[in-house]
Protein backbone atom coordinates (compact mmCIF):
# COMPACT_ATOMS: atom_id res chain seq x y z
CA MET A 1 -2.90 49.69 29.17
CA VAL A 2 -2.36 48.23 25.73
CA THR A 3 0.08 45.38 25.30
CA ASN A 4 1.29 43.46 22.33
CA GLU A 5 -0.51 40.09 22.37
CA ASN A 6 2.84 38.34 21.97
CA GLU A 7 4.20 39.89 25.19
CA PRO A 8 3.58 38.09 28.49
CA LEU A 9 0.95 39.86 30.59
CA PHE A 10 3.11 39.96 33.72
CA GLY A 11 6.52 40.14 32.06
CA GLU A 12 9.11 37.46 31.48
CA VAL A 13 9.08 34.31 33.57
CA ILE A 14 11.94 34.54 36.03
CA TYR A 15 11.98 30.93 37.22
CA THR A 16 9.86 27.81 36.83
CA TYR A 17 9.83 24.81 39.10
CA THR A 18 9.07 22.00 36.70
CA ARG A 19 7.85 18.47 37.23
CA ALA A 20 11.33 17.30 36.23
CA HIS A 21 12.73 19.41 39.10
CA ALA A 22 10.17 17.94 41.50
CA VAL A 23 11.08 14.38 40.52
CA ALA A 24 14.82 15.12 40.64
CA ASP A 25 14.66 16.64 44.11
CA GLY A 26 12.32 13.94 45.39
CA SER A 27 9.23 16.01 46.12
CA HIS A 28 7.30 13.98 43.50
CA VAL A 29 7.68 10.25 42.91
CA ASP A 30 6.96 8.91 39.42
CA VAL A 31 4.76 5.80 39.75
CA SER A 32 3.66 5.70 36.11
CA LYS A 33 4.92 2.15 35.53
CA THR A 34 2.72 0.78 38.32
CA ALA A 35 -0.17 2.93 37.06
CA GLN A 36 0.20 1.43 33.57
CA GLU A 37 -0.10 -2.05 35.09
CA THR A 38 -3.57 -1.07 36.36
CA GLY A 39 -4.63 0.42 33.02
CA ILE A 40 -4.00 4.12 33.71
CA ARG A 41 -2.49 5.61 30.56
CA PHE A 42 -1.45 9.00 31.93
CA PRO A 43 1.74 9.62 33.90
CA VAL A 44 1.06 9.37 37.65
CA PHE A 45 3.03 10.97 40.46
CA LEU A 46 2.73 10.80 44.23
CA THR A 47 3.83 13.67 46.42
CA ARG A 48 6.68 12.80 48.75
CA ALA A 49 4.31 13.16 51.72
CA VAL A 50 1.95 10.50 50.31
CA TYR A 51 4.81 8.19 49.40
CA ASP A 52 6.49 8.45 52.79
CA ALA A 53 3.27 8.10 54.78
CA TYR A 54 1.49 5.36 52.84
CA VAL A 55 3.96 3.53 50.56
CA THR A 56 7.05 3.34 52.76
CA VAL A 57 6.54 0.58 55.32
CA PRO A 58 7.11 1.82 58.89
CA PRO A 59 9.66 -0.13 60.93
CA ASP A 60 8.37 -3.24 62.70
CA VAL A 61 5.09 -3.41 60.72
CA ALA A 62 4.47 -7.03 59.82
CA GLY A 63 3.01 -8.32 56.56
CA GLN A 64 3.49 -5.18 54.47
CA ASP A 65 5.68 -4.34 51.49
CA GLU A 66 6.14 -1.20 49.44
CA ALA A 67 5.14 -2.76 46.13
CA GLY A 68 1.81 -3.91 47.56
CA ARG A 69 1.11 -0.61 49.30
CA LEU A 70 1.90 1.34 46.11
CA PHE A 71 -0.30 -0.95 44.05
CA ASP A 72 -3.17 -0.41 46.51
CA ILE A 73 -2.96 3.38 46.10
CA VAL A 74 -2.77 3.21 42.31
CA TRP A 75 -5.58 0.63 42.12
CA MET A 76 -7.84 2.87 44.22
CA LEU A 77 -6.90 5.79 41.94
CA ARG A 78 -8.00 3.70 38.96
CA PHE A 79 -11.26 2.89 40.75
CA ALA A 80 -11.85 6.59 41.50
CA ILE A 81 -11.18 7.50 37.87
CA ARG A 82 -13.59 4.84 36.60
CA LYS A 83 -16.44 5.96 38.85
CA SER A 84 -15.89 9.69 38.23
CA HIS A 85 -17.80 11.94 35.88
CA SER A 86 -15.98 13.42 32.91
CA GLY A 87 -14.69 16.94 33.18
CA LYS A 88 -13.46 16.64 36.77
CA SER A 89 -9.85 17.59 37.44
CA ARG A 90 -9.87 16.71 41.17
CA LEU A 91 -10.89 13.29 42.45
CA PRO A 92 -11.10 12.11 46.03
CA LEU A 93 -9.87 8.61 46.73
CA ALA A 94 -9.73 6.63 49.92
CA LEU A 95 -8.17 3.39 51.08
CA TYR A 96 -7.28 1.61 54.28
CA VAL A 97 -3.62 1.67 55.29
CA ARG A 98 -1.97 -0.13 58.18
CA ASN A 99 0.99 1.80 59.56
CA ASP A 100 1.26 -0.21 62.77
CA ASN A 101 0.38 -3.74 63.86
CA ARG A 102 -3.17 -2.78 64.75
CA ARG A 103 -6.19 -2.19 62.54
CA PRO A 104 -5.84 -0.28 59.27
CA ARG A 105 -7.16 3.27 59.18
CA LEU A 106 -9.01 5.06 56.41
CA VAL A 107 -6.78 7.45 54.46
CA LYS A 108 -8.21 10.13 52.17
CA LEU A 109 -6.21 11.46 49.25
CA ILE A 110 -6.84 13.79 46.33
CA ALA A 111 -5.85 13.07 42.72
CA ILE A 112 -5.42 16.12 40.51
CA CYS A 113 -5.22 15.93 36.74
CA GLY A 114 -3.32 18.74 35.06
CA PRO A 115 -0.52 19.36 32.61
CA LEU A 116 2.55 17.15 32.90
CA ASP A 117 4.84 20.14 33.11
CA PHE A 118 5.18 23.87 32.60
CA ASP A 119 5.85 23.44 28.90
CA ASP A 120 4.14 20.08 28.30
CA PRO A 121 0.33 20.16 28.27
CA GLN A 122 -0.20 16.40 28.10
CA PRO A 123 -2.32 15.21 31.06
CA ALA A 124 -0.70 13.85 34.21
CA ILE A 125 -2.12 12.87 37.59
CA THR A 126 -0.68 13.90 40.95
CA VAL A 127 -1.88 12.19 44.13
CA GLN A 128 -1.55 14.31 47.24
CA MET A 129 -2.77 14.46 50.82
CA ALA A 130 -6.34 15.57 51.31
CA ALA A 131 -6.84 18.55 53.58
CA GLY A 132 -6.84 17.46 57.19
CA ASP A 133 -4.74 14.31 56.67
């Protein structure tokens, strides 16, 4: 089958779910401002699952606040980036999170670097749950 190189291989795109859609509907949370405070220059997003599980403070948990919990995640992302080898698009990161009034537990996350959006190739980082968490 011969196609014109200007024609899409699989036809026209019917629908795209963009990063802007994900932020607007709440499935991604833009934490780029906090990331910039730690020295990360790329836009950074957390999935809603990560934000709800590890940034939002559960009821009745003493000595925790969202700003501190968010900063901890972004700081550990920065640490993972600094110790990584170039050319990697997926980075594991881990930190201890206390979601009750007992001991903190180790949480493993994955940071993925990819295009900011469907039509914007600038790099962006998305932090999501690691498999099994």
